[in-house]
Amino acid sequence: MDNPGDRERAALIAAMKSMGGAMAGIGWHRRFNELTDQQAAALAEAAVDGFQRSMWESAPEVPF
């Protein structure tokens, strides 16, 4: 992401918090290279969902 603005930075923070929730379910003792395909997909989905939710909440008139 080149030159993220304030909304994008806030969305990245939301994405990381969402990923943290997923990692809590997986277990923080696990290294990323030890994740199963399903766990890695859940982590990626949490990141994307958190980012998109934050972007939508900051500008609901724009489809994300």
C-alpha atoms as a PDB file:
ATOM      1  CA  MET A   1       0.000   0.000   0.000  1.00  0.00           C
ATOM      2  CA  ASP A   2       1.573   3.257  -1.122  1.00  0.00           C
ATOM      3  CA  ASN A   3       1.053   6.293   1.090  1.00  0.00           C
ATOM      4  CA  PRO A   4      -1.820   5.029   3.205  1.00  0.00           C
ATOM      5  CA  GLY A   5      -4.066   7.794   4.466  1.00  0.00           C
ATOM      6  CA  ASP A   6      -5.598   8.083   7.899  1.00  0.00           C
ATOM      7  CA  ARG A   7      -8.547   5.853   6.965  1.00  0.00           C
ATOM      8  CA  GLU A   8      -6.257   3.139   5.603  1.00  0.00           C
ATOM      9  CA  ARG A   9      -4.005   3.291   8.668  1.00  0.00           C
ATOM     10  CA  ALA A  10      -7.032   2.958  10.931  1.00  0.00           C
ATOM     11  CA  ALA A  11      -8.259   0.052   8.786  1.00  0.00           C
ATOM     12  CA  LEU A  12      -4.868  -1.670   9.082  1.00  0.00           C
ATOM     13  CA  ILE A  13      -5.072  -1.392  12.866  1.00  0.00           C
ATOM     14  CA  ALA A  14      -8.589  -2.861  12.743  1.00  0.00           C
ATOM     15  CA  ALA A  15      -7.264  -5.671  10.544  1.00  0.00           C
ATOM     16  CA  MET A  16      -4.511  -6.458  13.042  1.00  0.00           C
ATOM     17  CA  LYS A  17      -7.010  -6.516  15.911  1.00  0.00           C
ATOM     18  CA  SER A  18      -9.211  -8.863  13.921  1.00  0.00           C
ATOM     19  CA  MET A  19      -6.189 -11.079  13.245  1.00  0.00           C
ATOM     20  CA  GLY A  20      -5.422 -11.032  16.958  1.00  0.00           C
ATOM     21  CA  GLY A  21      -8.856 -12.450  17.663  1.00  0.00           C
ATOM     22  CA  ALA A  22      -8.229 -15.231  15.154  1.00  0.00           C
ATOM     23  CA  MET A  23      -4.807 -15.945  16.653  1.00  0.00           C
ATOM     24  CA  ALA A  24      -6.344 -16.176  20.113  1.00  0.00           C
ATOM     25  CA  GLY A  25      -8.464 -19.021  18.799  1.00  0.00           C
ATOM     26  CA  ILE A  26      -5.521 -20.685  17.054  1.00  0.00           C
ATOM     27  CA  GLY A  27      -3.044 -20.190  19.887  1.00  0.00           C
ATOM     28  CA  TRP A  28      -0.300 -17.621  20.177  1.00  0.00           C
ATOM     29  CA  HIS A  29       2.313 -20.341  20.670  1.00  0.00           C
ATOM     30  CA  ARG A  30       1.979 -21.348  16.999  1.00  0.00           C
ATOM     31  CA  ARG A  31       4.411 -19.964  14.447  1.00  0.00           C
ATOM     32  CA  PHE A  32       2.954 -18.851  11.145  1.00  0.00           C
ATOM     33  CA  ASN A  33       4.766 -21.595   9.273  1.00  0.00           C
ATOM     34  CA  GLU A  34       3.107 -24.143  11.572  1.00  0.00           C
ATOM     35  CA  LEU A  35      -0.456 -23.075  10.712  1.00  0.00           C
ATOM     36  CA  THR A  36      -2.658 -25.446   8.804  1.00  0.00           C
ATOM     37  CA  ASP A  37      -4.135 -24.253   5.515  1.00  0.00           C
ATOM     38  CA  GLN A  38      -7.453 -23.694   7.282  1.00  0.00           C
ATOM     39  CA  GLN A  39      -5.854 -21.672  10.075  1.00  0.00           C
ATOM     40  CA  ALA A  40      -3.883 -19.544   7.613  1.00  0.00           C
ATOM     41  CA  ALA A  41      -7.054 -18.925   5.594  1.00  0.00           C
ATOM     42  CA  ALA A  42      -8.955 -17.961   8.763  1.00  0.00           C
ATOM     43  CA  LEU A  43      -6.207 -15.507   9.663  1.00  0.00           C
ATOM     44  CA  ALA A  44      -6.234 -13.972   6.165  1.00  0.00           C
ATOM     45  CA  GLU A  45     -10.034 -13.728   6.201  1.00  0.00           C
ATOM     46  CA  ALA A  46      -9.939 -12.026   9.596  1.00  0.00           C
ATOM     47  CA  ALA A  47      -7.461  -9.468   8.267  1.00  0.00           C
ATOM     48  CA  VAL A  48      -9.468  -8.710   5.133  1.00  0.00           C
ATOM     49  CA  ASP A  49     -12.775  -8.608   7.023  1.00  0.00           C
ATOM     50  CA  GLY A  50     -11.349  -6.268   9.658  1.00  0.00           C
ATOM     51  CA  PHE A  51      -9.895  -3.964   7.016  1.00  0.00           C
ATOM     52  CA  GLN A  52     -13.056  -3.872   4.911  1.00  0.00           C
ATOM     53  CA  ARG A  53     -15.322  -3.373   7.930  1.00  0.00           C
ATOM     54  CA  SER A  54     -13.242  -0.429   9.092  1.00  0.00           C
ATOM     55  CA  MET A  55     -13.187   1.130   5.623  1.00  0.00           C
ATOM     56  CA  TRP A  56     -16.952   0.695   5.280  1.00  0.00           C
ATOM     57  CA  GLU A  57     -17.616   2.168   8.722  1.00  0.00           C
ATOM     58  CA  SER A  58     -15.512   5.218   7.870  1.00  0.00           C
ATOM     59  CA  ALA A  59     -17.302   5.792   4.544  1.00  0.00           C
ATOM     60  CA  PRO A  60     -20.500   3.735   4.247  1.00  0.00           C
ATOM     61  CA  GLU A  61     -21.428   5.437   0.987  1.00  0.00           C
ATOM     62  CA  VAL A  62     -18.414   3.911  -0.781  1.00  0.00           C
ATOM     63  CA  PRO A  63     -18.614   0.184  -1.643  1.00  0.00           C
ATOM     64  CA  PHE A  64     -15.604  -1.763  -0.386  1.00  0.00           C
END
